[in-house]
Amino acid sequence: MEINKQLEVIKRGVVEIISEDELKKKLEASIKNKKPLVIKAGFDPTAPDIHLGHVVLLRKLRQFQDLGHKVIFLIGDFTACIGDPSGRNEKRKQLSAEEVQKNAATYKKQVSKVLDIDKIEIVFNSEWFAKMSALELLQLTTHVTVSQMLARADFKKRIAKNEDVSLLEFMYPLLQGYDSIKLEADLELGGTDQIFNLLMGRQMQGNLGQPQQVVITMPLLEGTDGVAKMSKSFGNYIGINEPAGDMFGKIMSISDTLMMKYYELLTDEELGAVKSMHPKEAKMKLAQIIITQYHGRDAAAKSKIEFERVFSQKEIPEKMPEFELPSKGVILPEILVKSGLIKSKNEARRLIQQGGVSLDGKRIDKEDAIIEKSGVLKIGKRHFLRLVK
């Protein structure tokens, strides 16, 4: 494909290209030499589920694949043990090597729902970091100054609030930058919160006389709360492995404004046509498109029917989890936690206080109400639980 058409595809939905002139030159050289560009994106397996926030990057990688370029999906199994400080206002909890490996094992199957798995190279950065000596690791620090690190926006905020920044976190961008050197990346993709790390790769390549990678940043996708970026730790994520019905309900819960961003970053739909639709119909179409991608057309159609039946016609779902009540009954928060629908009793009590729990259509106001009879609990807007004796 000629350069201008490639650029049109590449630029859809991106925030910044550093720099577009360099990208054009790399594309020209790629066409002239019949050699695909090496496109790198790194994913730390800090959680087992890939969500729609990750899909923003994965879709852009797929576009590069379709343009004939080589995509390297880097699993940061070594760097995940440190934790990327990008966009964080506190120190990340460090993961064990066992937790990281367990999470990484799920990634290949999940990314195959977006990427052409036969045309992708999957690498783990422990392949080189685990073999480096302490001296070699410390020598990476010569590529950056302390003042550069202290000028980093997220570190600056934390220091201003007298919050700790560990020296280990200083190492993270250097390790990510070294990944680019090892892979000889022509281009690296990342979210806007990754800009410091991405530019570090460029800087380190230049220091070692390697052609510098082009950097492309993608917008961060807000989660279902419409405020924070989608993240499992914030509880506002939509996982691509979630049941189709849960995905449908979550997508229908987002705001009309955020819906347009989801369309732009997660679909190939013409945005002008979407804007002319009624917001509810547009949102239902969005849910069907996304669920079709990860669960198939039949699951999307069934999810739409079930959503309309439950939420538009105020009926209860045909299928729902069950909870067996003891003969003497049990307090409501305990039911919510033991069923797995709510994480803690404090969270359950808050939900009850806010009027978010009802039994057979009648709202429960007492946070320590004892439930003795069978029926159907509705928890929040989307979850139902059948109580049986």
Protein backbone atom coordinates (compact mmCIF):
# COMPACT_ATOMS: atom_id res chain seq x y z
CA MET A 1 0.00 0.00 0.00
CA GLU A 2 1.34 3.45 -0.91
CA ILE A 3 2.55 5.76 1.86
CA ASN A 4 -0.35 8.23 2.09
CA LYS A 5 -2.90 5.43 2.40
CA GLN A 6 -0.77 3.72 5.06
CA LEU A 7 -0.56 6.99 6.98
CA GLU A 8 -4.33 7.44 6.81
CA VAL A 9 -4.81 4.05 8.48
CA ILE A 10 -2.01 4.58 11.00
CA LYS A 11 -3.19 8.04 12.10
CA ARG A 12 -6.79 7.09 12.92
CA GLY A 13 -7.35 7.55 16.64
CA VAL A 14 -3.71 8.33 17.53
CA VAL A 15 -2.75 11.21 19.82
CA GLU A 16 0.81 11.89 18.67
CA ILE A 17 3.46 10.62 16.26
CA ILE A 18 7.10 11.43 17.08
CA SER A 19 7.82 12.18 14.39
CA GLU A 20 5.60 11.94 11.31
CA ASP A 21 8.47 12.90 8.99
CA GLU A 22 10.59 10.05 10.38
CA LEU A 23 7.66 7.66 9.98
CA LYS A 24 7.29 8.64 6.31
CA LYS A 25 11.00 8.00 5.74
CA LYS A 26 10.79 4.61 7.43
CA LEU A 27 7.75 3.69 5.32
CA GLU A 28 9.55 4.80 2.15
CA ALA A 29 12.57 2.66 3.04
CA SER A 30 10.28 -0.26 3.87
CA ILE A 31 8.62 -0.11 0.45
CA LYS A 32 11.90 0.43 -1.41
CA ASN A 33 13.74 -2.41 0.34
CA LYS A 34 10.65 -4.66 0.58
CA LYS A 35 11.38 -5.01 4.28
CA PRO A 36 8.55 -4.66 6.83
CA LEU A 37 8.97 -2.31 9.76
CA VAL A 38 9.43 -3.81 13.23
CA ILE A 39 6.50 -2.64 15.36
CA LYS A 40 6.83 -3.12 19.11
CA ALA A 41 4.29 -2.94 21.92
CA GLY A 42 4.89 -4.16 25.44
CA PHE A 43 2.32 -5.57 27.85
CA ASP A 44 3.13 -6.34 31.47
CA PRO A 45 1.10 -9.33 32.72
CA THR A 46 0.08 -7.67 35.99
CA ALA A 47 -3.44 -9.15 35.70
CA PRO A 48 -4.72 -12.25 33.87
CA ASP A 49 -7.44 -10.46 31.87
CA ILE A 50 -7.03 -8.33 28.78
CA HIS A 51 -9.69 -5.61 28.68
CA LEU A 52 -10.97 -3.12 26.12
CA GLY A 53 -8.37 -0.57 27.24
CA HIS A 54 -5.67 -2.96 25.99
CA VAL A 55 -7.65 -3.53 22.79
CA VAL A 56 -7.03 0.10 21.73
CA LEU A 57 -3.35 -0.79 21.27
CA LEU A 58 -4.05 -4.28 19.94
CA ARG A 59 -6.28 -2.92 17.18
CA LYS A 60 -3.57 -0.51 16.08
CA LEU A 61 -1.10 -3.41 16.04
CA ARG A 62 -3.55 -5.37 13.87
CA GLN A 63 -3.68 -2.46 11.44
CA PHE A 64 0.11 -2.58 11.16
CA GLN A 65 -0.13 -6.33 10.54
CA ASP A 66 -2.68 -5.75 7.77
CA LEU A 67 -0.30 -3.19 6.23
CA GLY A 68 2.34 -5.92 6.01
CA HIS A 69 4.60 -4.94 8.90
CA LYS A 70 6.14 -7.20 11.57
CA VAL A 71 4.48 -6.92 14.97
CA ILE A 72 6.36 -7.96 18.10
CA PHE A 73 4.11 -8.54 21.11
CA LEU A 74 6.45 -8.13 24.05
CA ILE A 75 5.34 -9.68 27.33
CA GLY A 76 7.16 -7.89 30.11
CA ASP A 77 7.43 -10.81 32.49
CA PHE A 78 10.63 -9.35 33.97
CA THR A 79 9.46 -5.72 34.15
CA ALA A 80 6.07 -6.77 35.59
CA CYS A 81 7.89 -7.85 38.74
CA ILE A 82 8.91 -4.19 39.16
CA GLY A 83 5.68 -2.50 38.04
CA ASP A 84 5.34 0.39 35.62
CA PRO A 85 4.95 3.66 37.59
CA SER A 86 3.34 5.45 34.60
CA GLY A 87 0.18 7.26 35.62
CA ARG A 88 0.39 5.98 39.19
CA ASN A 89 -0.02 8.17 42.25
CA GLU A 90 1.41 5.54 44.56
CA LYS A 91 3.90 2.68 44.50
CA ARG A 92 2.66 -0.43 42.73
CA LYS A 93 2.47 -3.67 44.64
CA GLN A 94 5.25 -5.93 43.37
CA LEU A 95 4.18 -9.26 41.89
CA SER A 96 5.95 -12.56 42.36
CA ALA A 97 7.46 -14.36 39.36
CA GLU A 98 4.81 -17.08 39.81
CA GLU A 99 1.95 -14.55 39.63
CA VAL A 100 3.44 -12.98 36.50
CA GLN A 101 3.88 -16.32 34.72
CA LYS A 102 0.33 -17.36 35.58
CA ASN A 103 -1.04 -14.13 34.11
CA ALA A 104 1.19 -14.29 31.01
CA ALA A 105 -0.06 -17.80 30.21
CA THR A 106 -3.52 -16.39 29.37
CA TYR A 107 -2.33 -13.63 27.04
CA LYS A 108 -1.65 -15.55 23.82
CA LYS A 109 -5.15 -16.97 23.61
CA GLN A 110 -6.73 -13.61 24.39
CA VAL A 111 -4.72 -11.53 21.90
CA SER A 112 -5.54 -14.03 19.16
CA LYS A 113 -9.05 -12.56 19.23
CA VAL A 114 -7.60 -9.31 17.84
CA LEU A 115 -4.24 -10.09 16.22
CA ASP A 116 -3.34 -12.54 13.48
CA ILE A 117 -1.54 -14.96 15.77
CA ASP A 118 0.26 -16.67 12.86
CA LYS A 119 1.94 -13.38 11.89
CA ILE A 120 2.98 -12.20 15.33
CA GLU A 121 6.21 -12.71 17.23
CA ILE A 122 5.70 -13.11 20.98
CA VAL A 123 8.77 -12.49 23.12
CA PHE A 124 9.43 -12.27 26.88
CA ASN A 125 11.89 -9.69 28.17
CA SER A 126 13.17 -12.10 30.82
CA GLU A 127 15.00 -13.73 27.89
CA TRP A 128 17.68 -11.03 28.12
CA PHE A 129 17.23 -9.41 31.53
CA ALA A 130 17.48 -12.70 33.44
CA LYS A 131 20.91 -13.24 31.87
CA MET A 132 22.32 -9.76 32.60
CA SER A 133 24.81 -9.25 35.39
CA ALA A 134 24.25 -6.69 38.12
CA LEU A 135 26.94 -4.51 36.51
CA GLU A 136 25.23 -4.64 33.10
CA LEU A 137 21.91 -3.66 34.64
CA LEU A 138 23.49 -0.77 36.53
CA GLN A 139 25.21 0.45 33.37
CA LEU A 140 21.77 1.20 31.91
CA THR A 141 21.53 4.10 34.37
CA THR A 142 24.20 5.98 32.38
CA HIS A 143 21.55 6.74 29.75
CA VAL A 144 19.55 9.07 32.01
CA THR A 145 20.14 11.74 34.64
CA VAL A 146 18.48 12.13 38.03
CA SER A 147 17.10 15.53 36.96
CA GLN A 148 15.41 13.89 33.96
CA MET A 149 13.75 11.37 36.23
CA LEU A 150 12.66 14.00 38.75
CA ALA A 151 11.12 16.06 35.93
CA ARG A 152 8.82 13.17 35.02
CA ALA A 153 5.23 14.32 35.60
CA ASP A 154 3.94 11.41 37.68
CA PHE A 155 7.07 11.34 39.87
CA LYS A 156 6.88 15.11 40.26
CA LYS A 157 3.29 14.91 41.57
CA ARG A 158 4.15 12.22 44.08
CA ILE A 159 7.23 14.06 45.37
CA ALA A 160 5.19 17.28 45.72
CA LYS A 161 2.79 15.33 47.97
CA ASN A 162 5.70 13.89 49.98
CA GLU A 163 4.94 10.41 48.65
CA ASP A 164 7.67 7.85 48.11
CA VAL A 165 9.24 7.08 44.74
CA SER A 166 11.53 4.05 44.86
CA LEU A 167 14.82 3.73 42.97
CA LEU A 168 13.42 0.52 41.50
CA GLU A 169 10.72 2.61 39.76
CA PHE A 170 13.49 4.75 38.26
CA MET A 171 14.77 1.61 36.57
CA TYR A 172 11.54 0.78 34.78
CA PRO A 173 11.80 3.21 31.81
CA LEU A 174 15.42 2.17 31.30
CA LEU A 175 14.41 -1.49 31.08
CA GLN A 176 11.60 -0.67 28.65
CA GLY A 177 14.02 1.37 26.58
CA TYR A 178 16.51 -1.50 26.49
CA ASP A 179 13.72 -3.75 25.15
CA SER A 180 13.63 -1.51 22.07
CA ILE A 181 17.39 -1.88 21.62
CA LYS A 182 17.23 -5.68 21.83
CA LEU A 183 14.34 -5.87 19.36
CA GLU A 184 15.74 -3.14 17.06
CA ALA A 185 12.28 -1.58 17.00
CA ASP A 186 11.41 0.83 14.18
CA LEU A 187 8.28 1.99 15.97
CA GLU A 188 6.83 1.59 19.45
CA LEU A 189 3.19 2.00 20.48
CA GLY A 190 1.89 2.96 23.90
CA GLY A 191 -0.72 4.96 25.78
CA THR A 192 -0.28 8.67 26.44
CA ASP A 193 0.78 7.85 30.01
CA GLN A 194 3.71 5.90 28.54
CA ILE A 195 5.35 8.84 26.74
CA PHE A 196 8.35 9.08 29.09
CA ASN A 197 9.13 5.37 28.71
CA LEU A 198 8.63 5.41 24.93
CA LEU A 199 10.96 8.38 24.47
CA MET A 200 13.52 6.69 26.71
CA GLY A 201 13.72 3.88 24.16
CA ARG A 202 14.33 6.45 21.41
CA GLN A 203 17.02 8.15 23.48
CA MET A 204 18.83 4.93 24.36
CA GLN A 205 18.79 3.70 20.75
CA GLY A 206 20.33 7.00 19.67
CA ASN A 207 22.99 6.79 22.39
CA LEU A 208 24.06 3.38 21.08
CA GLY A 209 24.08 4.42 17.41
CA GLN A 210 20.92 2.50 16.53
CA PRO A 211 18.24 4.07 14.29
CA GLN A 212 15.75 5.72 16.64
CA GLN A 213 12.25 4.31 16.87
CA VAL A 214 9.22 6.38 15.95
CA VAL A 215 6.84 6.75 18.90
CA ILE A 216 3.06 6.61 18.53
CA THR A 217 0.84 7.34 21.49
CA MET A 218 -2.76 6.18 21.74
CA PRO A 219 -5.43 7.76 23.95
CA LEU A 220 -6.30 6.14 27.25
CA LEU A 221 -9.75 4.60 27.24
CA GLU A 222 -11.85 5.59 30.24
CA GLY A 223 -13.63 2.76 32.00
CA THR A 224 -17.32 2.33 32.75
CA ASP A 225 -17.16 5.07 35.40
CA GLY A 226 -16.27 7.57 32.67
CA VAL A 227 -13.51 9.06 34.81
CA ALA A 228 -10.44 6.87 35.38
CA LYS A 229 -8.63 4.94 32.66
CA MET A 230 -9.91 1.40 32.27
CA SER A 231 -8.17 -0.78 34.80
CA LYS A 232 -8.93 -3.91 36.79
CA SER A 233 -7.59 -2.21 39.90
CA PHE A 234 -10.23 0.54 39.52
CA GLY A 235 -13.03 -1.99 38.94
CA ASN A 236 -14.18 -0.12 35.81
CA TYR A 237 -12.98 -2.53 33.15
CA ILE A 238 -14.69 -4.64 30.48
CA GLY A 239 -12.69 -7.83 29.99
CA ILE A 240 -12.73 -9.47 26.57
CA ASN A 241 -13.20 -12.88 28.25
CA GLU A 242 -16.18 -11.76 30.33
CA PRO A 243 -19.56 -13.40 29.62
CA ALA A 244 -21.30 -11.74 26.67
CA GLY A 245 -24.26 -10.65 28.80
CA ASP A 246 -22.01 -8.90 31.32
CA MET A 247 -20.14 -7.12 28.52
CA PHE A 248 -23.43 -5.96 26.96
CA GLY A 249 -24.69 -4.53 30.25
CA LYS A 250 -21.42 -2.73 30.99
CA ILE A 251 -21.25 -1.16 27.52
CA MET A 252 -24.87 0.02 27.84
CA SER A 253 -23.93 1.71 31.15
CA ILE A 254 -21.33 4.09 29.66
CA SER A 255 -22.19 7.71 28.90
CA ASP A 256 -23.26 8.86 25.42
CA THR A 257 -20.12 11.01 25.14
CA LEU A 258 -17.80 8.15 26.04
CA MET A 259 -19.66 5.91 23.60
CA MET A 260 -18.27 7.93 20.66
CA LYS A 261 -14.73 7.42 21.91
CA TYR A 262 -15.38 3.67 22.15
CA TYR A 263 -16.63 3.71 18.56
CA GLU A 264 -13.53 5.54 17.34
CA LEU A 265 -10.99 3.39 19.17
CA LEU A 266 -12.66 -0.03 19.21
CA THR A 267 -14.50 -0.23 15.86
CA ASP A 268 -14.12 0.63 12.18
CA GLU A 269 -17.53 2.33 12.00
CA GLU A 270 -18.02 5.64 10.20
CA LEU A 271 -18.42 8.14 13.05
CA GLY A 272 -20.64 10.53 11.07
CA ALA A 273 -23.24 7.80 10.58
CA VAL A 274 -23.12 6.89 14.29
CA LYS A 275 -23.74 10.51 15.33
CA SER A 276 -26.96 10.54 13.33
CA MET A 277 -28.37 7.57 15.30
CA HIS A 278 -30.41 7.73 18.51
CA PRO A 279 -27.90 7.34 21.41
CA LYS A 280 -29.58 4.21 22.80
CA GLU A 281 -29.65 2.50 19.41
CA ALA A 282 -26.04 3.53 18.76
CA LYS A 283 -24.98 2.11 22.11
CA MET A 284 -26.79 -1.17 21.47
CA LYS A 285 -25.08 -1.41 18.08
CA LEU A 286 -21.71 -0.74 19.76
CA ALA A 287 -22.34 -3.53 22.27
CA GLN A 288 -23.26 -5.94 19.48
CA ILE A 289 -20.17 -5.05 17.42
CA ILE A 290 -17.80 -5.54 20.36
CA ILE A 291 -19.42 -8.75 21.61
CA THR A 292 -19.43 -10.20 18.07
CA GLN A 293 -15.67 -9.65 17.95
CA TYR A 294 -15.02 -11.68 21.11
CA HIS A 295 -17.96 -14.07 21.44
CA GLY A 296 -19.52 -14.32 17.99
CA ARG A 297 -22.70 -13.08 16.29
CA ASP A 298 -25.08 -15.49 18.05
CA ALA A 299 -23.89 -14.48 21.52
CA ALA A 300 -24.27 -10.81 20.60
CA ALA A 301 -27.85 -11.33 19.39
CA LYS A 302 -28.81 -13.32 22.51
CA SER A 303 -27.24 -10.69 24.77
CA LYS A 304 -29.29 -7.94 23.11
CA ILE A 305 -32.56 -9.90 23.54
CA GLU A 306 -31.74 -10.66 27.18
CA PHE A 307 -30.79 -7.03 27.91
CA GLU A 308 -34.04 -5.73 26.44
CA ARG A 309 -36.05 -8.32 28.35
CA VAL A 310 -34.40 -7.59 31.69
CA PHE A 311 -33.78 -3.84 31.54
CA SER A 312 -36.34 -2.47 29.12
CA GLN A 313 -39.21 -4.77 30.06
CA LYS A 314 -38.19 -4.96 33.76
CA GLU A 315 -38.11 -8.76 33.78
CA ILE A 316 -35.59 -11.03 35.47
CA PRO A 317 -33.04 -13.05 33.45
CA GLU A 318 -33.73 -16.68 32.62
CA LYS A 319 -30.36 -17.81 33.93
CA MET A 320 -28.63 -16.58 37.06
CA PRO A 321 -26.32 -17.92 39.79
CA GLU A 322 -27.92 -19.52 42.85
CA PHE A 323 -27.19 -19.24 46.56
CA GLU A 324 -28.38 -21.84 49.05
CA LEU A 325 -29.81 -20.32 52.23
CA PRO A 326 -29.17 -22.03 55.58
CA SER A 327 -32.27 -23.00 57.59
CA LYS A 328 -31.78 -20.14 60.08
CA GLY A 329 -31.18 -17.50 57.42
CA VAL A 330 -28.11 -15.31 56.90
CA ILE A 331 -27.33 -11.59 56.91
CA LEU A 332 -27.50 -9.93 53.48
CA PRO A 333 -23.86 -8.70 53.26
CA GLU A 334 -22.67 -12.25 53.88
CA ILE A 335 -24.79 -13.52 50.98
CA LEU A 336 -23.40 -10.87 48.64
CA VAL A 337 -19.79 -11.65 49.56
CA LYS A 338 -20.09 -15.46 49.62
CA SER A 339 -21.83 -15.44 46.23
CA GLY A 340 -18.80 -13.63 44.77
CA LEU A 341 -20.87 -10.69 43.50
CA ILE A 342 -19.40 -8.22 46.00
CA LYS A 343 -15.79 -8.19 47.21
CA SER A 344 -16.24 -7.19 50.86
CA LYS A 345 -18.91 -6.75 53.52
CA ASN A 346 -18.14 -3.03 53.74
CA GLU A 347 -18.75 -2.66 50.00
CA ALA A 348 -21.98 -4.69 50.38
CA ARG A 349 -23.20 -2.43 53.18
CA ARG A 350 -22.50 0.70 51.14
CA LEU A 351 -24.48 -0.72 48.22
CA ILE A 352 -27.42 -1.55 50.49
CA GLN A 353 -27.32 1.95 52.05
CA GLN A 354 -27.46 3.44 48.53
CA GLY A 355 -30.60 1.44 47.74
CA GLY A 356 -28.81 -0.86 45.31
CA VAL A 357 -30.17 -4.21 46.55
CA SER A 358 -33.72 -5.53 46.29
CA LEU A 359 -35.44 -8.85 46.94
CA ASP A 360 -38.30 -9.81 44.58
CA GLY A 361 -38.58 -6.16 43.52
CA LYS A 362 -38.67 -4.72 47.05
CA ARG A 363 -35.71 -2.59 48.10
CA ILE A 364 -33.84 -3.69 51.23
CA ASP A 365 -32.90 -0.77 53.48
CA LYS A 366 -31.33 -2.52 56.48
CA GLU A 367 -27.68 -3.30 55.88
CA ASP A 368 -27.72 -6.27 58.29
CA ALA A 369 -31.11 -7.64 57.23
CA ILE A 370 -31.44 -11.38 57.81
CA ILE A 371 -32.66 -13.22 54.71
CA GLU A 372 -34.62 -16.38 55.40
CA LYS A 373 -36.90 -16.88 52.39
CA SER A 374 -36.13 -17.85 48.82
CA GLY A 375 -36.49 -15.32 46.00
CA VAL A 376 -34.47 -13.25 43.53
CA LEU A 377 -31.98 -10.64 44.67
CA LYS A 378 -31.12 -7.79 42.32
CA ILE A 379 -27.71 -6.32 43.06
CA GLY A 380 -26.93 -3.01 41.38
CA LYS A 381 -28.19 -2.61 37.82
CA ARG A 382 -26.96 -5.78 36.19
CA HIS A 383 -26.60 -8.65 38.66
CA PHE A 384 -29.21 -11.13 39.87
CA LEU A 385 -28.95 -13.95 42.39
CA ARG A 386 -31.53 -16.68 43.02
CA LEU A 387 -31.89 -17.56 46.70
CA VAL A 388 -32.98 -21.15 47.34
CA LYS A 389 -33.74 -22.98 50.56
